[in-house]
Protein backbone atom coordinates (compact mmCIF):
# COMPACT_ATOMS: atom_id res chain seq x y z
CA MET A 1 118.68 49.44 96.70
CA THR A 2 118.25 48.00 93.25
CA PHE A 3 114.68 49.25 93.14
CA LYS A 4 115.73 52.73 94.22
CA PHE A 5 118.54 52.79 91.66
CA ASP A 6 116.26 51.69 88.85
CA LEU A 7 113.63 54.27 89.83
CA SER A 8 116.21 57.05 89.95
CA PHE A 9 117.58 55.93 86.62
CA LEU A 10 114.09 55.93 85.16
CA LEU A 11 113.41 59.44 86.48
CA ALA A 12 116.67 60.63 84.99
CA LEU A 13 115.76 59.15 81.63
CA LEU A 14 112.34 60.81 81.74
CA THR A 15 113.89 64.15 82.65
CA LEU A 16 116.43 63.80 79.85
CA GLY A 17 113.67 62.84 77.44
CA ALA A 18 111.56 65.84 78.43
CA PHE A 19 114.55 68.13 77.96
CA THR A 20 115.25 66.59 74.56
CA LEU A 21 111.65 67.02 73.49
CA SER A 22 111.67 70.61 74.75
CA SER A 23 114.89 71.35 72.86
CA SER A 24 113.49 69.69 69.76
CA ALA A 25 110.34 71.79 70.00
CA GLN A 26 112.49 74.89 70.33
CA GLU A 27 114.47 73.96 67.23
CA LYS A 28 111.28 73.43 65.24
CA ARG A 29 110.02 76.94 65.87
CA PRO A 30 110.48 78.72 62.57
CA ASN A 31 112.71 81.66 61.94
CA ILE A 32 110.87 84.64 60.42
CA LEU A 33 112.19 86.95 57.72
CA PHE A 34 109.78 89.72 56.75
CA ILE A 35 110.91 91.78 53.75
CA LEU A 36 108.98 94.98 53.11
CA ALA A 37 109.33 97.40 50.20
CA ASP A 38 108.54 101.09 50.59
CA ASP A 39 106.00 102.20 47.96
CA ALA A 40 106.00 99.22 45.56
CA SER A 41 102.85 98.38 43.60
CA LYS A 42 101.72 94.78 43.24
CA ASP A 43 101.85 94.68 39.44
CA SER A 44 105.48 95.87 39.42
CA PHE A 45 106.73 92.30 39.90
CA GLY A 46 107.07 89.54 37.36
CA ALA A 47 105.07 87.11 39.48
CA TYR A 48 102.12 89.51 39.21
CA GLY A 49 102.50 90.05 35.49
CA SER A 50 105.01 92.87 35.02
CA GLN A 51 106.59 92.76 31.58
CA SER A 52 109.17 95.49 32.16
CA ALA A 53 110.65 95.07 35.66
CA HIS A 54 113.14 92.24 36.22
CA THR A 55 112.45 90.68 39.64
CA PRO A 56 114.02 87.20 39.83
CA GLY A 57 114.40 87.24 43.62
CA PHE A 58 110.77 88.04 44.28
CA ASP A 59 109.57 85.67 41.58
CA SER A 60 111.66 82.77 42.94
CA ILE A 61 109.97 83.06 46.34
CA ALA A 62 106.57 83.02 44.63
CA GLN A 63 107.57 79.94 42.62
CA ASN A 64 108.84 78.15 45.72
CA GLY A 65 105.96 79.22 47.92
CA VAL A 66 102.53 80.81 47.78
CA LEU A 67 101.30 83.98 46.07
CA PHE A 68 98.28 85.89 47.37
CA THR A 69 96.21 87.74 44.79
CA ASN A 70 93.95 89.54 47.29
CA ALA A 71 96.32 91.00 49.90
CA TYR A 72 95.52 94.51 51.19
CA ASN A 73 97.16 96.98 53.53
CA CYS A 74 94.07 98.31 55.39
CA ASN A 75 95.37 101.91 55.20
CA PRO A 76 97.59 102.91 52.23
CA LYS A 77 100.27 105.08 53.84
CA CYS A 78 103.59 104.16 55.47
CA ALA A 79 103.03 104.75 59.19
CA PRO A 80 99.43 103.48 59.49
CA ALA A 81 100.03 100.46 57.24
CA ARG A 82 103.12 99.46 59.24
CA ALA A 83 101.25 99.99 62.50
CA CYS A 84 98.60 97.52 61.30
CA LEU A 85 101.34 94.99 60.52
CA LEU A 86 103.07 95.32 63.85
CA ALA A 87 100.10 95.75 66.18
CA GLY A 88 97.68 93.31 64.53
CA ARG A 89 94.75 95.74 64.56
CA TYR A 90 92.63 97.51 61.97
CA SER A 91 93.70 101.07 61.35
CA TRP A 92 90.64 102.77 62.88
CA GLN A 93 91.25 100.71 66.03
CA LEU A 94 94.74 102.14 66.47
CA GLU A 95 93.73 105.61 67.65
CA GLU A 96 96.58 108.03 66.82
CA ALA A 97 98.32 105.36 64.72
CA CYS A 98 95.52 105.53 62.15
CA ASN A 99 97.14 108.81 61.10
CA HIS A 100 100.44 109.29 59.32
CA ASN A 101 103.41 110.67 61.30
CA PRO A 102 101.78 110.44 64.74
CA PHE A 103 103.09 110.37 68.29
CA LEU A 104 102.78 106.62 68.78
CA SER A 105 101.21 105.56 72.07
CA GLU A 106 102.99 103.36 74.59
CA LYS A 107 99.90 101.19 74.93
CA TRP A 108 100.42 99.10 71.80
CA LYS A 109 102.22 95.77 71.74
CA PHE A 110 104.23 94.83 68.65
CA TYR A 111 104.75 91.29 67.42
CA PRO A 112 108.60 91.40 67.32
CA TYR A 113 108.77 92.14 71.05
CA LEU A 114 106.09 89.56 71.83
CA LEU A 115 108.30 87.05 70.02
CA GLU A 116 111.37 88.30 71.89
CA GLU A 117 109.59 87.37 75.11
CA LYS A 118 109.25 83.87 73.65
CA GLY A 119 113.02 83.60 73.17
CA TYR A 120 113.31 85.01 69.66
CA HIS A 121 116.30 87.06 68.58
CA ILE A 122 114.79 90.13 66.88
CA GLY A 123 116.08 92.94 64.70
CA TYR A 124 115.41 95.20 61.76
CA THR A 125 117.25 97.17 59.12
CA GLY A 126 116.30 100.15 56.99
CA LYS A 127 112.77 101.43 57.55
CA GLY A 128 110.79 99.91 60.39
CA TRP A 129 107.69 101.62 61.71
CA GLY A 130 107.47 105.26 60.71
CA PRO A 131 107.42 108.09 60.09
CA GLY A 132 106.42 109.34 63.50
CA MET A 133 107.58 109.62 67.09
CA TRP A 134 107.47 106.73 69.53
CA LYS A 135 108.55 105.91 73.03
CA GLY A 136 107.76 102.27 72.60
CA ARG A 137 106.83 99.94 75.42
CA ASN A 138 107.64 96.27 75.38
CA ALA A 139 104.79 94.11 76.57
CA SER A 140 106.05 93.64 80.13
CA ARG A 141 109.27 95.61 80.38
CA ALA A 142 110.46 99.16 80.73
CA ILE A 143 110.23 101.73 77.99
CA HIS A 144 112.82 101.13 75.28
CA GLU A 145 114.16 103.32 72.52
CA ASP A 146 114.25 100.83 69.67
CA ASN A 147 111.86 100.90 66.74
CA PRO A 148 108.60 98.89 67.05
CA ALA A 149 110.01 96.65 64.28
CA GLY A 150 112.93 95.49 66.46
CA HIS A 151 116.49 96.31 67.44
CA PRO A 152 118.49 98.15 64.75
CA TYR A 153 121.08 96.60 62.44
CA ASN A 154 122.13 99.44 60.16
CA LYS A 155 125.91 99.60 60.26
CA ARG A 156 126.64 98.28 56.77
CA THR A 157 126.42 100.65 53.82
CA LEU A 158 127.28 100.50 50.14
CA LYS A 159 127.52 102.77 47.13
CA PRO A 160 124.23 102.69 45.23
CA PRO A 161 124.16 102.88 41.43
CA TYR A 162 121.92 105.99 41.36
CA THR A 163 121.62 109.02 43.63
CA GLY A 164 117.99 108.36 44.48
CA ILE A 165 118.82 105.03 46.13
CA ASN A 166 119.64 104.82 49.84
CA LYS A 167 123.15 103.69 50.80
CA ILE A 168 121.92 101.21 53.44
CA ASP A 169 123.08 97.66 52.73
CA TYR A 170 119.88 95.93 53.81
CA ALA A 171 120.93 92.40 52.92
CA GLY A 172 124.39 92.94 54.41
CA ASN A 173 122.84 94.06 57.67
CA PHE A 174 120.67 90.95 57.64
CA GLU A 175 123.85 88.89 57.32
CA ASP A 176 125.28 90.70 60.36
CA PHE A 177 122.07 89.93 62.24
CA LEU A 178 122.34 86.24 61.32
CA LYS A 179 125.88 86.13 62.66
CA ALA A 180 124.74 87.77 65.90
CA THR A 181 121.87 85.32 66.39
CA PRO A 182 122.63 82.75 69.13
CA ASP A 183 122.82 79.19 67.84
CA ASP A 184 120.02 78.06 70.15
CA ALA A 185 117.60 80.89 69.37
CA PRO A 186 115.12 81.31 66.52
CA PHE A 187 115.09 84.75 64.90
CA CYS A 188 112.59 87.31 63.65
CA PHE A 189 113.98 89.96 61.30
CA TRP A 190 112.30 92.90 59.58
CA MET A 191 114.15 93.89 56.39
CA GLY A 192 112.67 97.29 55.59
CA VAL A 193 114.02 98.35 52.21
CA LYS A 194 113.50 102.08 51.58
CA GLU A 195 113.10 101.66 47.83
CA PRO A 196 111.26 102.48 45.60
CA HIS A 197 110.38 105.50 47.76
CA ARG A 198 111.12 108.85 46.15
CA LYS A 199 113.25 110.77 45.31
CA TYR A 200 114.59 109.18 42.10
CA GLN A 201 117.58 110.20 40.06
CA LEU A 202 115.85 111.94 37.17
CA ASP A 203 116.06 110.01 33.91
CA SER A 204 118.08 107.20 35.43
CA TRP A 205 116.22 105.06 32.92
CA LYS A 206 118.38 106.61 30.20
CA LEU A 207 121.59 105.58 31.95
CA ALA A 208 120.16 102.09 32.40
CA LYS A 209 119.14 102.04 28.72
CA ARG A 210 115.53 101.10 29.47
CA ASP A 211 113.00 100.62 26.69
CA LEU A 212 110.08 102.95 27.44
CA SER A 213 107.85 101.11 24.99
CA LYS A 214 107.65 98.23 27.49
CA ILE A 215 106.29 100.41 30.28
CA SER A 216 102.61 99.93 31.10
CA VAL A 217 100.76 103.21 31.69
CA PRO A 218 97.66 103.07 33.96
CA ALA A 219 94.37 104.41 32.63
CA TYR A 220 94.40 107.30 35.13
CA TYR A 221 97.45 108.89 33.40
CA PRO A 222 98.00 110.27 29.91
CA ASP A 223 100.47 108.23 27.89
CA ASN A 224 103.59 110.23 27.03
CA LYS A 225 107.36 110.20 27.51
CA THR A 226 107.25 112.12 30.80
CA ILE A 227 104.88 109.61 32.36
CA ARG A 228 106.74 106.60 30.99
CA GLY A 229 110.12 107.99 32.06
CA ASP A 230 108.98 108.53 35.65
CA LEU A 231 107.57 105.00 35.78
CA ALA A 232 110.82 103.63 34.34
CA ASP A 233 112.89 105.44 37.01
CA TYR A 234 110.60 103.85 39.59
CA GLU A 235 111.13 100.36 38.17
CA ILE A 236 114.90 100.72 38.51
CA GLU A 237 114.37 101.02 42.25
CA ILE A 238 111.98 98.05 42.22
CA GLU A 239 114.88 96.03 40.83
CA TRP A 240 117.19 97.36 43.57
CA PHE A 241 114.72 96.07 46.15
CA ASP A 242 114.74 92.73 44.38
CA LYS A 243 118.53 92.45 44.48
CA HIS A 244 118.42 92.55 48.27
CA ILE A 245 115.83 89.76 48.28
CA THR A 246 118.21 87.61 46.25
CA ARG A 247 121.15 88.36 48.54
CA ALA A 248 119.09 87.70 51.68
CA LEU A 249 118.18 84.27 50.31
CA GLU A 250 121.84 83.56 49.63
CA TYR A 251 122.81 84.47 53.20
CA LEU A 252 120.02 82.30 54.59
CA LYS A 253 121.18 79.37 52.51
CA ALA A 254 124.82 79.84 53.52
CA SER A 255 123.82 79.93 57.19
CA GLY A 256 121.94 76.64 56.90
CA LYS A 257 118.73 78.30 58.11
CA LEU A 258 116.81 78.60 54.85
CA LYS A 259 114.72 75.48 55.32
CA ASN A 260 113.31 76.46 58.70
CA THR A 261 112.64 80.10 57.84
CA LEU A 262 109.22 81.52 57.01
CA ILE A 263 109.94 84.24 54.44
CA ILE A 264 107.26 86.80 53.65
CA VAL A 265 107.68 89.62 51.12
CA SER A 266 105.29 92.54 50.69
CA SER A 267 105.09 96.33 50.33
CA ASP A 268 103.41 98.88 52.56
CA HIS A 269 101.35 100.35 49.69
CA GLY A 270 101.46 101.25 46.02
CA MET A 271 103.91 103.37 44.06
CA PRO A 272 104.55 107.01 45.07
CA PHE A 273 102.49 108.59 42.31
CA PRO A 274 99.22 110.55 42.06
CA ARG A 275 96.03 108.53 42.63
CA VAL A 276 98.07 105.63 44.06
CA LYS A 277 100.07 106.15 47.25
CA GLY A 278 97.80 107.15 50.10
CA GLN A 279 94.62 106.76 48.04
CA LEU A 280 91.79 104.27 48.41
CA TYR A 281 91.97 102.90 44.89
CA GLU A 282 93.12 99.45 43.87
CA ASP A 283 96.70 100.36 42.99
CA GLY A 284 97.14 102.12 46.33
CA PHE A 285 95.92 99.46 48.73
CA ALA A 286 96.42 96.16 46.86
CA VAL A 287 99.88 94.88 47.81
CA PRO A 288 102.22 92.14 46.65
CA PHE A 289 102.28 89.32 49.17
CA ILE A 290 104.21 86.07 48.86
CA ALA A 291 105.53 83.53 51.34
CA ARG A 292 108.00 80.66 51.32
CA TRP A 293 108.60 78.06 54.03
CA ASP A 294 110.39 75.01 52.72
CA GLY A 295 108.78 71.76 53.80
CA LYS A 296 105.70 73.59 55.10
CA ILE A 297 104.36 75.68 52.22
CA LYS A 298 103.64 73.75 49.07
CA PRO A 299 105.46 75.50 46.18
CA GLY A 300 103.77 77.13 43.22
CA ARG A 301 100.41 77.84 44.83
CA THR A 302 98.15 80.86 44.30
CA VAL A 303 95.56 81.78 46.95
CA THR A 304 92.64 84.14 46.29
CA ASP A 305 91.46 84.44 49.92
CA PHE A 306 91.42 88.04 51.14
CA ILE A 307 94.07 88.86 53.71
CA THR A 308 94.94 92.20 55.27
CA PHE A 309 97.86 93.69 57.21
CA PRO A 310 96.20 93.27 60.64
CA ASP A 311 96.28 89.52 59.92
CA LEU A 312 100.09 89.29 59.84
CA ALA A 313 100.86 89.49 63.58
CA PRO A 314 98.36 86.79 64.63
CA THR A 315 99.60 84.59 61.78
CA LEU A 316 103.21 84.81 62.95
CA LEU A 317 102.35 84.09 66.56
CA GLU A 318 100.30 81.07 65.54
CA ALA A 319 103.15 79.86 63.32
CA VAL A 320 105.46 79.71 66.35
CA ASN A 321 102.79 78.07 68.54
CA ALA A 322 102.37 81.13 70.74
CA GLU A 323 99.05 82.16 72.20
CA LYS A 324 97.16 84.90 70.40
CA GLU A 325 97.65 88.36 71.86
CA PRO A 326 94.28 89.78 73.06
CA GLN A 327 95.13 93.11 71.41
CA PHE A 328 95.00 91.52 67.95
CA THR A 329 91.80 91.89 65.93
CA GLY A 330 93.22 90.50 62.69
CA GLU A 331 92.75 86.82 61.87
CA SER A 332 95.55 84.34 61.21
CA PHE A 333 95.98 83.10 57.65
CA LEU A 334 98.30 80.25 58.66
CA PRO A 335 95.79 77.71 57.24
CA GLN A 336 96.12 79.45 53.87
CA LEU A 337 99.91 79.19 54.08
CA LEU A 338 99.94 75.51 54.98
CA SER A 339 97.14 74.26 52.75
CA GLU A 340 97.93 71.97 49.83
CA LYS A 341 95.36 73.71 47.65
CA SER A 342 95.15 76.85 45.52
CA GLY A 343 92.25 79.21 44.87
CA ARG A 344 89.62 80.27 47.43
CA LEU A 345 90.23 78.15 50.51
CA ASP A 346 87.92 79.89 52.99
CA PRO A 347 84.62 81.06 51.44
CA ASP A 348 84.24 83.65 54.20
CA ARG A 349 87.45 85.44 53.19
CA ASN A 350 85.71 87.11 50.27
CA TYR A 351 86.16 90.80 51.15
CA THR A 352 88.36 93.23 53.06
CA LEU A 353 87.85 96.55 54.85
CA LEU A 354 89.91 99.67 54.19
CA GLY A 355 90.13 103.17 55.52
CA LYS A 356 92.18 106.30 56.02
CA GLU A 357 92.22 109.47 58.08
CA ARG A 358 94.97 112.12 58.03
CA HIS A 359 97.92 111.15 55.91
CA ASP A 360 99.77 114.41 55.46
CA ILE A 361 99.59 117.99 56.63
CA GLY A 362 98.32 120.82 54.44
CA ARG A 363 94.57 120.31 54.68
CA THR A 364 92.34 122.75 56.56
CA ASP A 365 88.66 123.01 57.43
CA GLY A 366 87.65 126.42 58.69
CA GLU A 367 89.95 127.23 61.60
CA LEU A 368 91.06 123.60 61.97
CA LEU A 369 94.53 122.83 60.64
CA SER A 370 96.00 119.50 59.53
CA VAL A 371 92.64 117.77 59.41
CA SER A 372 92.06 114.33 58.00
CA TYR A 373 90.31 113.14 54.87
CA PRO A 374 88.25 110.24 56.23
CA VAL A 375 87.34 107.40 53.89
CA ARG A 376 86.06 103.91 54.59
CA ALA A 377 85.82 101.25 51.90
CA ILE A 378 85.04 97.63 51.23
CA ARG A 379 86.63 95.54 48.50
CA THR A 380 84.90 92.36 47.32
CA ASP A 381 85.81 90.03 44.48
CA LYS A 382 83.97 92.23 42.01
CA PHE A 383 83.56 95.71 43.51
CA LEU A 384 85.31 98.47 45.39
CA TYR A 385 82.87 100.67 47.29
CA ALA A 386 84.33 103.78 48.97
CA ARG A 387 82.58 106.27 51.24
CA ASN A 388 84.19 109.72 51.40
CA LEU A 389 82.82 110.77 54.76
CA LEU A 390 83.67 114.49 54.47
CA PRO A 391 83.71 115.12 50.70
CA HIS A 392 83.85 118.91 51.06
CA ARG A 393 87.52 118.55 52.05
CA TRP A 394 90.35 118.23 49.54
CA PRO A 395 91.33 114.53 49.30
CA VAL A 396 95.05 115.03 48.71
CA GLY A 397 95.44 118.31 50.59
CA ASN A 398 94.58 121.90 49.81
CA PRO A 399 95.83 123.35 46.49
CA GLU A 400 97.38 126.38 48.20
CA PHE A 401 99.69 124.07 50.13
CA GLY A 402 100.73 122.05 47.11
CA PHE A 403 98.65 118.87 47.47
CA LYS A 404 100.98 117.46 50.10
CA ASN A 405 99.43 114.00 50.13
CA VAL A 406 101.05 113.37 46.73
CA ASP A 407 104.80 112.92 46.45
CA GLY A 408 106.63 115.33 44.16
CA GLY A 409 107.97 114.15 40.81
CA PRO A 410 107.58 114.51 37.05
CA ILE A 411 104.09 112.97 36.94
CA LYS A 412 102.76 115.27 39.66
CA SER A 413 104.33 118.27 37.96
CA TYR A 414 102.87 117.29 34.59
CA LEU A 415 99.35 116.78 35.92
CA THR A 416 99.22 119.91 38.07
CA ALA A 417 100.34 122.02 35.08
CA LEU A 418 97.28 120.96 33.06
CA LYS A 419 94.73 123.72 32.44
CA PRO A 420 90.92 123.36 32.49
CA ASP A 421 90.77 123.78 28.71
CA SER A 422 93.25 120.94 28.15
CA PRO A 423 91.84 117.71 26.65
CA GLU A 424 93.87 115.90 29.34
CA TYR A 425 92.42 117.88 32.25
CA ARG A 426 90.37 114.89 33.38
CA PHE A 427 93.63 113.26 34.51
CA TYR A 428 94.27 116.20 36.81
CA GLU A 429 90.78 115.96 38.26
CA MET A 430 91.10 112.22 38.91
CA SER A 431 94.24 112.75 40.99
CA PHE A 432 93.69 116.12 42.65
CA GLY A 433 90.02 117.08 42.45
CA LYS A 434 87.34 116.70 45.09
CA ARG A 435 85.40 113.46 45.25
CA PRO A 436 81.73 112.55 45.69
CA LEU A 437 80.26 110.95 48.79
CA GLU A 438 80.19 107.52 47.15
CA GLU A 439 82.46 105.75 44.70
CA LEU A 440 81.85 102.34 43.15
CA TYR A 441 84.20 100.57 40.76
CA ASP A 442 83.84 97.27 38.95
CA ILE A 443 87.32 95.88 39.54
CA GLU A 444 86.86 93.08 37.03
CA SER A 445 86.30 95.45 34.12
CA ASP A 446 87.94 98.59 35.55
CA PRO A 447 90.96 97.64 37.71
CA ASP A 448 92.39 101.17 37.43
CA CYS A 449 89.23 102.59 39.05
CA VAL A 450 88.49 105.35 36.55
CA LYS A 451 84.74 104.85 35.97
CA ASN A 452 82.68 105.65 39.06
CA LEU A 453 79.40 103.71 38.90
CA ALA A 454 77.91 105.08 42.12
CA GLN A 455 75.62 107.56 40.34
CA ASP A 456 74.30 104.94 37.94
CA PRO A 457 70.75 103.99 39.08
CA THR A 458 71.33 100.39 38.00
CA HIS A 459 74.00 100.10 40.72
CA ARG A 460 72.01 101.71 43.53
CA LYS A 461 71.22 98.39 45.19
CA THR A 462 74.87 97.37 45.02
CA CYS A 463 75.99 100.61 46.71
CA ASP A 464 73.33 100.31 49.42
CA SER A 465 74.19 96.67 50.10
CA LEU A 466 77.93 97.30 50.33
CA TRP A 467 77.48 100.37 52.54
CA THR A 468 75.23 98.36 54.87
CA GLN A 469 77.82 95.59 55.09
CA LEU A 470 80.67 98.05 55.59
CA LYS A 471 78.82 100.07 58.22
CA LYS A 472 77.84 96.96 60.17
CA GLN A 473 81.43 95.71 60.27
CA LEU A 474 82.85 99.09 61.31
CA ILE A 475 80.33 99.54 64.10
CA ALA A 476 81.21 96.06 65.38
CA GLN A 477 84.87 97.11 65.36
CA LYS A 478 83.99 100.32 67.25
CA ASP A 479 85.26 102.65 64.56
CA PRO A 480 85.00 106.17 66.05
CA ARG A 481 83.83 107.56 62.70
CA LEU A 482 80.77 105.32 62.74
CA LEU A 483 80.09 106.01 66.41
CA GLY A 484 79.92 109.79 66.03
CA LYS A 485 83.35 110.35 67.59
CA GLY A 486 85.43 110.69 64.46
CA ASP A 487 86.56 114.24 65.21
CA ILE A 488 89.31 112.74 67.37
CA PHE A 489 91.26 111.84 64.21
CA ASP A 490 91.42 115.52 63.26
CA HIS A 491 93.00 116.33 66.61
CA TYR A 492 95.62 113.62 67.07
CA PRO A 493 98.79 115.71 66.67
CA ASN A 494 101.08 115.32 63.69
CA ALA A 495 104.70 115.02 64.86
CA GLY A 496 106.00 117.43 62.22
CA ILE A 497 105.30 120.54 64.27
CA ARG A 498 107.98 122.73 62.71
CA ASN A 499 106.75 122.03 59.17
CA GLN A 500 103.18 122.84 60.15
CA ARG A 501 104.16 126.15 61.67
CA LYS A 502 105.98 126.98 58.46
CA ILE A 503 103.29 126.12 55.91
CA TYR A 504 100.44 127.63 57.95
CA LYS A 505 102.55 130.68 58.85
CA GLN A 506 101.65 130.25 62.51
CA PRO A 507 104.92 130.22 64.51
CA HIS A 508 103.15 129.32 67.76
CA TYR A 509 100.96 126.54 66.41
CA ASP A 510 101.05 123.64 68.89
CA PRO A 511 99.03 120.57 67.83
CA VAL A 512 99.88 118.75 71.08
CA LYS A 513 98.29 121.46 73.22
CA ASN A 514 95.34 121.68 70.84
CA TYR A 515 94.82 117.94 71.24
CA GLU A 516 94.94 118.21 75.03
CA LYS A 517 92.38 121.02 74.94
CA PHE A 518 90.12 118.93 72.70
CA ILE A 519 90.32 115.94 75.06
CA ASN A 520 89.60 118.08 78.09
CA ARG A 521 86.64 119.63 76.30
CA GLU A 522 85.27 116.23 75.30
CA ASN A 523 85.62 114.92 78.84
C-alpha cells in the first residue's frame, strides 16, 4: 500500500510538473503588436535621418530595439504589399493578390489566423488587408467575414486636428483589444493606421506653423513652395501616426505586457506622391522597419541584412515556436532580431527581389482594359536594376484617364501642368512618361534614382549580370511572367467594376466574366 501510494503521489507530481511546464511555456510565447503606416516613406522618421518630422514614438522603439536599413515591401502598393505580409509569399506567387484591389482567393492562409489556431487572441484596427474583396478562409475552419488581418476593433473614434486625418482612434482600439484579451492567452494585434494616406487638409502646414525651409525635397521634384507645402502637409500626418505609436506603448506598459511583446513598426510603401507610391524606385519600395522585444532584442542595434515583406509571417511563427506554414516562401529573420551584433549578419542576405503588375485601373492595351504594367527588379547593396517587361504601356496609367496610378494632390497637379517647353519638364517625364526596357541606378551615389545608367556601355556587364540573377530567381519561384504565362495578371479582375465602367464608358463591362472566358480559353 505504501508503494502504491508513493507511486501515485509521484505520478501526480509528474503530471503537475508537466502542466506547470506547459503553462510556463504558454506564458513565454510572446505577444505581437504590428503597427503599419499607410504610405509613409522610410526617411520621414527621425531614426532614419529626418530633420523636419518629429517622431519620438517611432524613434524610441528604434533606440530600444533594432533598426533595419534594408527592408523592402516586395510590391509597392497597399493591397499586394499587405498580402505579402499576411500570406508570407512573394507577390508574383500570390496570383490575383499580386494586383491591387483584387478579389482575394479563399486559398491563402494568413498568419493571424494561423496564430489563432495556436491559442492567440487576434485583432486589428484601422486598415488591414485591402483594398479589395475577400471571402477569407481560415486554415481549417469555415469561411469567415473578418479581414485577413484579424477580427475588427474599430469602435473608438476621436476628433482629429485636421480634416484629412481619419477619426479612428487606433491606439484606443488597441487598448480595448488588450482589455478583451483573456489573461491566459497571448495576443497578436495589427494596428493599421490610415495615415499619412491622402487626402490632406490643404496647407495644414500653415495652421501648424511649419518651417518649409526644413523640408527636404527629393531630386525628382523641382524645389518650390508648392512642393514643400505638400510635403509639409504629409509630415503632419506622419506625426499623427507617431502619436498612436506612443499611446500604444503607454497602454502596453500599463497592462504589464510590454516586456513580453514583440513590437514591429513599418509602412506598406512610400509616400503618396509621383514617382514614389506604386513605383519601383527606392523611395517607393524601401520601408521603415524597426522592432523591439525587451529582454530578447538587444537595444540600439542597426542591421543591414536585406529583409522583405514575405519574410514577416515565417518570422512571427518561428518567434512563437510554431511550425513553418508550407505556403510560406519568405525566410524568417528571427536570427537578425535576436542577434547581439549590428551590421551584415548573414552574408547571403545581400539583395532583394521586387515586382509589380496592375496597381490601378485606367491603363489599356489595344482592346484590353485595366491591364497591368509589369516590372521585375533586383536591389543589391549598390544597384537597383529594373526590367520594364512591357515598356510600350504607360507606367502610371494612360494620360486620357488621368494617370490613375498616382494619387491626386498639389505635386501631381503642378507636374502635370508643366509644358514641353518648360525647363522643369524633365520632372514631368520622370513621374509620368514612358520608361525604357532597362533601368539601372547606383543607389550609393543616386538614392533618388534619377540617373539611369542602363544605356551606358560601361555598365552593360552589370545590367546583364543582374538580369541573369533576377531571371534565375524568378524562374525558380515560378513567376508566371518568366514562364510565358504573364497574361494572367492582365485578366485577374479588379474589384472596382463600377468605376471601370464609368471611366471606359462601357456600362456592360464585366471583368469577372472576361477573366472566366480567358481561363476557359487557356484551358
